[in-house]
Amino acid sequence: MKVRPFRGIRPPKQYVLDVNSRPYDVLSSDEARLEAAGNEKSLYHIIKPEINFEPGTDEHDPKVYPSAREHFDLFQRNGWLVQDEKPMYYIYAQTMGTRTQYGLVLAACFEDYMSGKIKKHELTRKDKEEDRMKHVRVNNANIEPVFFAYKHVDELDAIIARYTAKTPEYDFVAQIDGFGHKFWLIDDDKDIARITELVEQIPAMYIADGHHRSAAAALVGNERKQANPQHTGNEEYNFFLAVCFPDNQLNILDYNRVVRDLNGLTEEQFISAIAENFIVEKQGAAIYKPNRLHNFALYLNHTWYSLTAKEGRYDNNDPIGVLDVTISSNLILDKILGIKDLRTDKRIDFVGGIRGLEELQRRVDSGEMKMALALYPVTMQQIIDIADSGNIMPPKTTWFEPKLRSGLVIHSLD
């Protein structure tokens, strides 16, 4: 892995609460407009620049991207964002309930993405890549970080623990979800040098969240490389913003499904069809949560069921086939309900585990959906195994929480 410290562009302490925001892709334009209301310092003016125009403006309208740069420049002129004097690493800690995860903030090299040292487990869409590329190009910066995981390194953990024992630069709780966020600067030259050595010995990084941002950053870096006859590989555009968390600290939540109809089947026929490949146990009205791999929860007509995949119905030697998302897609969604493509079929929707199983029950009880299917979350080791094997996970498989806040630090390509 090739990494480097960088001169972060970030808010002075007194502005961090005004500037920081949720990531661009977890809320709608209307939600961003509401959250930014009355706050000229909100990062949404840069990462959701459609809110700078009349409601209803398309986020991909050509006039939207230059507005992002105008506000990025404005933030720097007004001192709401200021660039650090020296290149540093940073530490970003997130607390959800009683659990805290500590991420190392660094500049990763796009060549490692191109060569496969930065490993992905999801497919990307060209339109989303191009959207993020336009945003990087116009701002000449990675405004928002990507979320990497790596196999933990004891010495690196020890260095980070030494810094996090000190008073943080930023320390706040996000009102919208109650998650805690802390941020430290690693400015000692010896520590910076040692961190660089340790991270460069890590054989691979794994994209946990931010596949489109990673792809866009790599493609823009490669564009700059091709356009520069004097390219050396050491220019700042070769690097992009990442927060890297050790694998043993990460929490992956379930990613669940709700379906609008039973494909013409009665409820009795549907349960009977499921029983061909699953052990079906009626649980009653109380919410049932899957408690192990290959165990699912079905909610139908005010009743919860436990579904356990029968032996021999999946391949333990296939890293994709053994996933619960694959088992449920093949044996229930496709075989029984006729849902062939999770990305495009309008009969299905997806609910992140952060919303709880109560949200599944609510959407079925409201009549919007006919049934819900809750899955046991994938493990970090499953993600690593699949990425290492060069395979791609099915869509809507992983839900990492907490999400990274944006606006704590920005990486310039100059």
Protein backbone atom coordinates (compact mmCIF):
# COMPACT_ATOMS: atom_id res chain seq x y z
CA MET A 1 0.00 0.00 0.00
CA LYS A 2 1.26 3.47 -0.86
CA VAL A 3 -0.06 6.17 1.47
CA ARG A 4 0.94 9.61 2.67
CA PRO A 5 0.00 12.28 5.20
CA PHE A 6 -1.62 15.39 3.77
CA ARG A 7 -2.39 19.02 4.56
CA GLY A 8 -6.02 18.70 5.50
CA ILE A 9 -8.56 21.43 4.80
CA ARG A 10 -10.89 21.49 7.79
CA PRO A 11 -13.06 23.73 9.95
CA PRO A 12 -11.62 25.60 12.94
CA LYS A 13 -13.03 24.18 16.18
CA GLN A 14 -15.64 26.89 16.55
CA TYR A 15 -17.17 26.03 13.15
CA VAL A 16 -17.11 22.24 13.12
CA LEU A 17 -20.69 21.86 14.35
CA ASP A 18 -21.94 24.19 11.62
CA VAL A 19 -19.84 22.70 8.81
CA ASN A 20 -20.00 18.92 9.34
CA SER A 21 -22.77 16.94 7.68
CA ARG A 22 -24.03 13.51 6.78
CA PRO A 23 -22.62 11.99 3.56
CA TYR A 24 -24.13 13.17 0.28
CA ASP A 25 -25.67 9.79 -0.57
CA VAL A 26 -27.67 9.05 2.59
CA LEU A 27 -30.26 11.80 2.25
CA SER A 28 -32.38 13.43 -0.42
CA SER A 29 -32.05 16.96 -1.76
CA ASP A 30 -35.11 18.00 0.24
CA GLU A 31 -33.68 16.54 3.44
CA ALA A 32 -30.36 18.31 2.84
CA ARG A 33 -32.18 21.58 2.17
CA LEU A 34 -34.05 21.20 5.46
CA GLU A 35 -30.94 20.33 7.48
CA ALA A 36 -29.00 23.25 5.98
CA ALA A 37 -31.81 25.78 6.46
CA GLY A 38 -30.47 28.98 8.02
CA ASN A 39 -26.89 27.65 8.07
CA GLU A 40 -24.65 29.20 5.42
CA LYS A 41 -21.70 27.17 6.75
CA SER A 42 -23.30 23.75 6.13
CA LEU A 43 -21.20 21.44 3.95
CA TYR A 44 -24.41 20.54 2.10
CA HIS A 45 -23.85 23.73 0.08
CA ILE A 46 -20.79 21.92 -1.37
CA ILE A 47 -21.75 18.24 -1.39
CA LYS A 48 -25.46 18.74 -2.21
CA PRO A 49 -25.12 21.96 -4.24
CA GLU A 50 -28.56 21.58 -5.81
CA ILE A 51 -29.88 23.08 -2.55
CA ASN A 52 -28.33 26.40 -3.67
CA PHE A 53 -31.04 26.58 -6.36
CA GLU A 54 -34.80 26.50 -6.39
CA PRO A 55 -36.46 23.33 -5.01
CA GLY A 56 -36.80 20.64 -7.65
CA THR A 57 -33.44 21.41 -9.30
CA ASP A 58 -31.92 18.15 -10.49
CA GLU A 59 -28.74 17.22 -8.60
CA HIS A 60 -27.08 16.45 -11.96
CA ASP A 61 -28.01 19.73 -13.62
CA PRO A 62 -24.83 21.18 -15.24
CA LYS A 63 -25.16 24.41 -13.25
CA VAL A 64 -25.06 22.52 -9.95
CA TYR A 65 -21.41 21.40 -10.05
CA PRO A 66 -19.85 24.90 -10.45
CA SER A 67 -21.94 26.01 -7.47
CA ALA A 68 -20.16 23.41 -5.36
CA ARG A 69 -16.80 24.97 -6.24
CA GLU A 70 -18.09 28.50 -5.64
CA HIS A 71 -19.12 27.53 -2.13
CA PHE A 72 -15.91 25.58 -1.49
CA ASP A 73 -13.95 28.74 -2.36
CA LEU A 74 -16.32 30.86 -0.26
CA PHE A 75 -15.85 28.62 2.78
CA GLN A 76 -12.07 29.03 2.50
CA ARG A 77 -12.22 32.80 1.98
CA ASN A 78 -14.45 33.17 5.04
CA GLY A 79 -12.21 30.96 7.19
CA TRP A 80 -14.86 28.29 7.70
CA LEU A 81 -12.39 25.85 6.14
CA VAL A 82 -8.64 26.31 6.67
CA GLN A 83 -5.74 24.24 5.35
CA ASP A 84 -3.26 22.82 7.89
CA GLU A 85 0.32 24.09 7.70
CA LYS A 86 1.97 20.67 7.49
CA PRO A 87 1.05 17.22 6.17
CA MET A 88 -0.43 15.04 8.89
CA TYR A 89 -2.38 11.92 9.55
CA TYR A 90 -5.58 12.20 11.55
CA ILE A 91 -7.65 9.91 13.75
CA TYR A 92 -11.43 9.81 13.51
CA ALA A 93 -13.39 7.97 16.21
CA GLN A 94 -17.08 7.13 16.03
CA THR A 95 -19.16 5.99 18.99
CA MET A 96 -22.45 4.15 18.60
CA GLY A 97 -23.94 3.06 21.90
CA THR A 98 -21.16 1.48 23.96
CA ARG A 99 -18.92 0.70 20.97
CA THR A 100 -16.21 3.00 19.52
CA GLN A 101 -14.19 2.46 16.35
CA TYR A 102 -10.98 4.34 15.59
CA GLY A 103 -10.08 5.16 12.00
CA LEU A 104 -6.78 6.42 10.57
CA VAL A 105 -7.36 9.27 8.11
CA LEU A 106 -4.84 9.23 5.26
CA ALA A 107 -4.29 9.82 1.57
CA ALA A 108 -4.43 6.51 -0.35
CA CYS A 109 -2.93 6.03 -3.80
CA PHE A 110 -5.22 5.56 -6.81
CA GLU A 111 -2.68 3.15 -8.36
CA ASP A 112 -3.44 0.71 -5.54
CA TYR A 113 -7.11 0.84 -6.53
CA MET A 114 -6.20 0.21 -10.17
CA SER A 115 -3.90 -2.70 -9.27
CA GLY A 116 -6.36 -4.32 -6.88
CA LYS A 117 -4.53 -3.70 -3.60
CA ILE A 118 -7.55 -1.62 -2.63
CA LYS A 119 -10.21 -4.29 -2.97
CA LYS A 120 -13.89 -3.84 -3.74
CA HIS A 121 -16.81 -6.17 -3.07
CA GLU A 122 -19.58 -4.30 -4.93
CA LEU A 123 -20.21 -3.32 -8.53
CA THR A 124 -20.31 0.37 -9.41
CA ARG A 125 -22.57 2.18 -11.84
CA LYS A 126 -21.04 4.38 -14.55
CA ASP A 127 -23.55 7.21 -14.02
CA LYS A 128 -22.75 7.41 -10.32
CA GLU A 129 -19.01 7.26 -11.03
CA GLU A 130 -19.33 10.14 -13.50
CA ASP A 131 -21.34 12.20 -11.01
CA ARG A 132 -18.61 11.86 -8.36
CA MET A 133 -15.88 12.47 -10.96
CA LYS A 134 -17.50 15.78 -11.88
CA HIS A 135 -17.59 16.73 -8.21
CA VAL A 136 -13.89 15.89 -7.70
CA ARG A 137 -12.87 17.66 -10.91
CA VAL A 138 -14.72 20.91 -10.23
CA ASN A 139 -13.52 21.15 -6.61
CA ASN A 140 -10.04 19.82 -7.32
CA ALA A 141 -10.44 17.99 -4.03
CA ASN A 142 -11.87 14.93 -2.33
CA ILE A 143 -14.51 16.66 -0.22
CA GLU A 144 -15.77 13.42 1.35
CA PRO A 145 -13.75 10.39 2.48
CA VAL A 146 -14.16 6.75 1.58
CA PHE A 147 -14.42 4.08 4.29
CA PHE A 148 -11.74 1.37 4.22
CA ALA A 149 -11.15 -1.66 6.44
CA TYR A 150 -7.85 -3.44 7.00
CA LYS A 151 -6.60 -6.41 8.98
CA HIS A 152 -5.59 -4.87 12.27
CA VAL A 153 -1.95 -4.19 13.15
CA ASP A 154 -1.04 -4.19 16.85
CA GLU A 155 1.65 -1.49 16.62
CA LEU A 156 -0.65 0.78 14.64
CA ASP A 157 -3.38 0.25 17.24
CA ALA A 158 -0.90 1.24 19.95
CA ILE A 159 0.09 4.49 18.22
CA ILE A 160 -3.55 5.42 17.71
CA ALA A 161 -4.38 4.60 21.34
CA ARG A 162 -1.59 6.92 22.50
CA TYR A 163 -3.12 9.84 20.62
CA THR A 164 -6.72 9.10 21.54
CA ALA A 165 -5.76 9.28 25.23
CA LYS A 166 -5.26 13.04 24.62
CA THR A 167 -7.91 15.74 24.31
CA PRO A 168 -9.44 15.59 20.82
CA GLU A 169 -9.47 18.46 18.34
CA TYR A 170 -13.19 17.88 17.73
CA ASP A 171 -15.64 16.20 20.07
CA PHE A 172 -19.37 16.28 19.41
CA VAL A 173 -22.53 14.21 19.23
CA ALA A 174 -24.56 14.38 16.03
CA GLN A 175 -28.08 15.40 16.96
CA ILE A 176 -29.77 13.51 14.15
CA ASP A 177 -28.70 10.05 15.35
CA GLY A 178 -26.94 10.52 18.70
CA PHE A 179 -23.63 9.06 17.48
CA GLY A 180 -20.42 10.50 18.93
CA HIS A 181 -17.55 11.82 16.79
CA LYS A 182 -14.00 12.69 17.86
CA PHE A 183 -11.00 13.80 15.82
CA TRP A 184 -7.27 14.04 16.62
CA LEU A 185 -4.21 15.32 14.73
CA ILE A 186 -1.08 13.17 14.35
CA ASP A 187 1.57 15.84 13.86
CA ASP A 188 4.73 14.25 15.29
CA ASP A 189 7.17 13.57 12.45
CA LYS A 190 8.47 10.30 13.95
CA ASP A 191 4.94 8.95 14.40
CA ILE A 192 4.02 10.05 10.88
CA ALA A 193 7.04 8.23 9.44
CA ARG A 194 6.32 5.06 11.42
CA ILE A 195 2.64 5.05 10.47
CA THR A 196 3.63 5.35 6.82
CA GLU A 197 5.95 2.34 7.20
CA LEU A 198 3.33 0.26 8.98
CA VAL A 199 0.48 1.01 6.57
CA GLU A 200 2.68 0.41 3.53
CA GLN A 201 3.30 -3.11 4.89
CA ILE A 202 -0.45 -3.86 4.95
CA PRO A 203 -1.09 -6.06 1.88
CA ALA A 204 -4.61 -4.79 1.13
CA MET A 205 -7.33 -2.34 2.04
CA TYR A 206 -11.00 -3.26 1.67
CA ILE A 207 -13.65 -0.75 0.61
CA ALA A 208 -16.35 -0.96 3.26
CA ASP A 209 -18.39 2.02 2.07
CA GLY A 210 -17.80 4.43 -0.79
CA HIS A 211 -17.28 2.27 -3.88
CA HIS A 212 -18.35 5.07 -6.24
CA ARG A 213 -16.20 7.67 -4.49
CA SER A 214 -13.20 5.31 -4.69
CA ALA A 215 -13.75 4.62 -8.38
CA ALA A 216 -14.23 8.31 -9.16
CA ALA A 217 -11.11 9.34 -7.25
CA ALA A 218 -9.04 6.71 -9.07
CA LEU A 219 -10.40 7.69 -12.48
CA VAL A 220 -9.72 11.40 -11.90
CA GLY A 221 -6.23 10.59 -10.66
CA ASN A 222 -5.59 8.57 -13.78
CA GLU A 223 -6.92 11.43 -15.95
CA ARG A 224 -4.44 13.80 -14.35
CA LYS A 225 -1.65 11.28 -14.85
CA GLN A 226 -2.43 10.91 -18.56
CA ALA A 227 -2.60 14.70 -19.01
CA ASN A 228 0.77 15.37 -17.34
CA PRO A 229 3.86 14.63 -19.50
CA GLN A 230 6.06 15.19 -16.42
CA HIS A 231 4.08 12.80 -14.22
CA THR A 232 6.21 11.29 -11.44
CA GLY A 233 3.63 9.48 -9.29
CA ASN A 234 4.32 11.76 -6.34
CA GLU A 235 1.84 14.51 -7.24
CA GLU A 236 -1.02 15.08 -4.83
CA TYR A 237 -3.59 14.06 -7.46
CA ASN A 238 -2.25 10.50 -7.15
CA PHE A 239 -3.89 10.31 -3.73
CA PHE A 240 -7.42 10.47 -2.33
CA LEU A 241 -9.09 10.78 1.06
CA ALA A 242 -9.77 7.64 3.10
CA VAL A 243 -10.59 6.71 6.69
CA CYS A 244 -9.21 3.24 7.49
CA PHE A 245 -10.61 1.15 10.34
CA PRO A 246 -9.17 -2.12 11.71
CA ASP A 247 -11.38 -5.08 10.86
CA ASN A 248 -11.82 -6.15 14.49
CA GLN A 249 -13.56 -2.88 15.43
CA LEU A 250 -16.19 -2.72 12.68
CA ASN A 251 -19.87 -3.46 13.02
CA ILE A 252 -21.95 -4.56 10.04
CA LEU A 253 -25.71 -4.35 10.35
CA ASP A 254 -28.36 -6.38 8.59
CA TYR A 255 -29.73 -5.19 5.25
CA ASN A 256 -33.33 -6.30 4.91
CA ARG A 257 -35.97 -6.66 2.18
CA VAL A 258 -39.63 -5.72 1.80
CA VAL A 259 -41.76 -6.97 -1.11
CA ARG A 260 -45.03 -5.57 -2.50
CA ASP A 261 -46.82 -8.82 -3.42
CA LEU A 262 -46.63 -12.63 -3.31
CA ASN A 263 -46.43 -13.09 -7.08
CA GLY A 264 -50.04 -14.30 -7.31
CA LEU A 265 -49.73 -16.82 -4.47
CA THR A 266 -51.98 -17.02 -1.43
CA GLU A 267 -50.25 -16.71 1.95
CA GLU A 268 -50.69 -20.47 2.50
CA GLN A 269 -49.16 -21.29 -0.90
CA PHE A 270 -46.26 -18.93 -0.24
CA ILE A 271 -45.44 -20.49 3.15
CA SER A 272 -45.76 -23.97 1.63
CA ALA A 273 -43.33 -23.06 -1.15
CA ILE A 274 -40.82 -21.70 1.37
CA ALA A 275 -41.05 -24.92 3.40
CA GLU A 276 -39.51 -26.85 0.50
CA ASN A 277 -36.09 -25.32 1.27
CA PHE A 278 -36.46 -23.91 4.78
CA ILE A 279 -37.51 -25.12 8.21
CA VAL A 280 -40.46 -22.82 8.95
CA GLU A 281 -41.33 -22.04 12.58
CA LYS A 282 -44.21 -19.71 13.42
CA GLN A 283 -43.17 -17.15 16.07
CA GLY A 284 -46.33 -15.06 16.52
CA ALA A 285 -46.81 -11.30 16.80
CA ALA A 286 -43.58 -10.49 18.70
CA ILE A 287 -40.70 -9.36 16.49
CA TYR A 288 -38.31 -12.19 15.66
CA LYS A 289 -34.67 -11.37 14.88
CA PRO A 290 -32.43 -13.83 12.98
CA ASN A 291 -29.85 -15.20 15.43
CA ARG A 292 -27.28 -16.97 13.23
CA LEU A 293 -26.14 -17.40 9.66
CA HIS A 294 -28.74 -19.06 7.38
CA ASN A 295 -31.57 -18.11 9.74
CA PHE A 296 -34.08 -15.55 8.44
CA ALA A 297 -37.11 -13.73 9.79
CA LEU A 298 -40.26 -13.47 7.67
CA TYR A 299 -43.06 -11.05 8.51
CA LEU A 300 -46.41 -11.69 6.85
CA ASN A 301 -49.97 -10.77 7.88
CA HIS A 302 -49.08 -9.60 11.42
CA THR A 303 -47.07 -12.78 12.08
CA TRP A 304 -43.33 -13.43 12.35
CA TYR A 305 -41.73 -16.69 11.20
CA SER A 306 -38.27 -18.15 11.67
CA LEU A 307 -36.85 -19.62 8.45
CA THR A 308 -33.75 -21.82 8.59
CA ALA A 309 -32.20 -22.95 5.31
CA LYS A 310 -32.09 -26.73 5.05
CA GLU A 311 -28.77 -28.52 4.61
CA GLY A 312 -27.78 -29.09 1.01
CA ARG A 313 -29.71 -26.09 -0.31
CA TYR A 314 -26.53 -23.96 -0.59
CA ASP A 315 -22.84 -24.53 -1.30
CA ASN A 316 -20.55 -24.07 1.69
CA ASN A 317 -17.54 -23.98 -0.65
CA ASP A 318 -18.86 -21.05 -2.70
CA PRO A 319 -18.05 -17.71 -1.00
CA ILE A 320 -20.99 -16.06 -2.80
CA GLY A 321 -23.42 -18.97 -2.73
CA VAL A 322 -23.08 -19.40 1.03
CA LEU A 323 -24.14 -15.81 1.73
CA ASP A 324 -27.59 -15.39 3.23
CA VAL A 325 -28.36 -12.67 0.70
CA THR A 326 -27.71 -15.23 -2.07
CA ILE A 327 -29.68 -18.00 -0.38
CA SER A 328 -32.71 -15.77 0.15
CA SER A 329 -32.44 -14.27 -3.34
CA ASN A 330 -32.22 -17.64 -5.06
CA LEU A 331 -34.69 -19.67 -3.00
CA ILE A 332 -37.32 -17.06 -2.09
CA LEU A 333 -37.11 -13.84 -4.11
CA ASP A 334 -36.29 -15.45 -7.46
CA LYS A 335 -37.69 -18.98 -7.26
CA ILE A 336 -40.97 -18.15 -5.51
CA LEU A 337 -41.59 -14.43 -6.05
CA GLY A 338 -40.09 -14.06 -9.53
CA ILE A 339 -37.76 -11.18 -8.56
CA LYS A 340 -34.77 -11.69 -10.86
CA ASP A 341 -32.84 -8.42 -10.54
CA LEU A 342 -32.58 -6.76 -7.13
CA ARG A 343 -31.23 -3.57 -8.72
CA THR A 344 -34.13 -2.88 -11.06
CA ASP A 345 -37.26 -4.72 -9.88
CA LYS A 346 -39.77 -2.19 -8.53
CA ARG A 347 -41.56 -4.82 -6.42
CA ILE A 348 -38.75 -4.90 -3.85
CA ASP A 349 -37.22 -2.32 -1.56
CA PHE A 350 -34.41 -2.42 1.01
CA VAL A 351 -34.21 -1.30 4.62
CA GLY A 352 -30.91 -0.75 6.45
CA GLY A 353 -30.58 -2.41 9.83
CA ILE A 354 -30.15 0.92 11.59
CA ARG A 355 -33.92 1.40 11.20
CA GLY A 356 -34.66 -1.78 13.15
CA LEU A 357 -37.10 -4.59 12.42
CA GLU A 358 -39.92 -2.33 13.59
CA GLU A 359 -39.56 -0.50 10.27
CA LEU A 360 -40.17 -3.75 8.37
CA GLN A 361 -43.28 -4.42 10.42
CA ARG A 362 -44.51 -0.85 9.91
CA ARG A 363 -44.18 -1.01 6.12
CA VAL A 364 -46.07 -4.29 5.93
CA ASP A 365 -48.78 -3.32 8.42
CA SER A 366 -49.36 -0.05 6.51
CA GLY A 367 -50.33 -2.05 3.43
CA GLU A 368 -47.46 -0.59 1.39
CA MET A 369 -45.70 -3.96 1.37
CA LYS A 370 -47.00 -7.51 1.58
CA MET A 371 -44.09 -9.21 3.32
CA ALA A 372 -40.68 -8.51 4.85
CA LEU A 373 -37.55 -10.61 5.07
CA ALA A 374 -34.85 -9.91 7.68
CA LEU A 375 -31.34 -11.31 7.24
CA TYR A 376 -28.49 -12.06 9.62
CA PRO A 377 -25.68 -9.57 8.88
CA VAL A 378 -22.63 -10.61 6.90
CA THR A 379 -19.32 -10.69 8.73
CA MET A 380 -16.22 -8.65 8.00
CA GLN A 381 -14.38 -11.91 7.31
CA GLN A 382 -16.93 -12.83 4.63
CA ILE A 383 -16.33 -9.47 2.95
CA ILE A 384 -12.56 -9.97 3.08
CA ASP A 385 -12.81 -13.52 1.72
CA ILE A 386 -15.00 -12.41 -1.18
CA ALA A 387 -12.82 -9.41 -2.03
CA ASP A 388 -9.66 -11.55 -1.84
CA SER A 389 -11.19 -14.12 -4.18
CA GLY A 390 -11.99 -11.41 -6.73
CA ASN A 391 -15.72 -11.99 -6.42
CA ILE A 392 -18.45 -9.36 -6.13
CA MET A 393 -21.18 -9.46 -3.51
CA PRO A 394 -24.83 -9.34 -4.55
CA PRO A 395 -26.42 -5.89 -4.32
CA LYS A 396 -27.73 -4.53 -1.02
CA THR A 397 -25.67 -6.87 1.14
CA THR A 398 -23.77 -4.70 3.63
CA TRP A 399 -24.82 -1.82 5.85
CA PHE A 400 -22.04 -0.20 7.86
CA GLU A 401 -22.94 2.07 10.74
CA PRO A 402 -22.11 4.72 11.85
CA LYS A 403 -21.64 6.51 8.55
CA LEU A 404 -18.65 8.82 8.24
CA ARG A 405 -19.44 12.48 8.85
CA SER A 406 -18.33 14.75 6.03
CA GLY A 407 -16.55 18.05 6.50
CA LEU A 408 -14.14 17.03 9.29
CA VAL A 409 -11.25 17.09 6.83
CA ILE A 410 -10.87 17.54 3.05
CA HIS A 411 -8.01 16.51 0.75
CA SER A 412 -6.86 18.89 -2.00
CA LEU A 413 -5.49 17.45 -5.26
CA ASP A 414 -2.90 20.26 -5.47
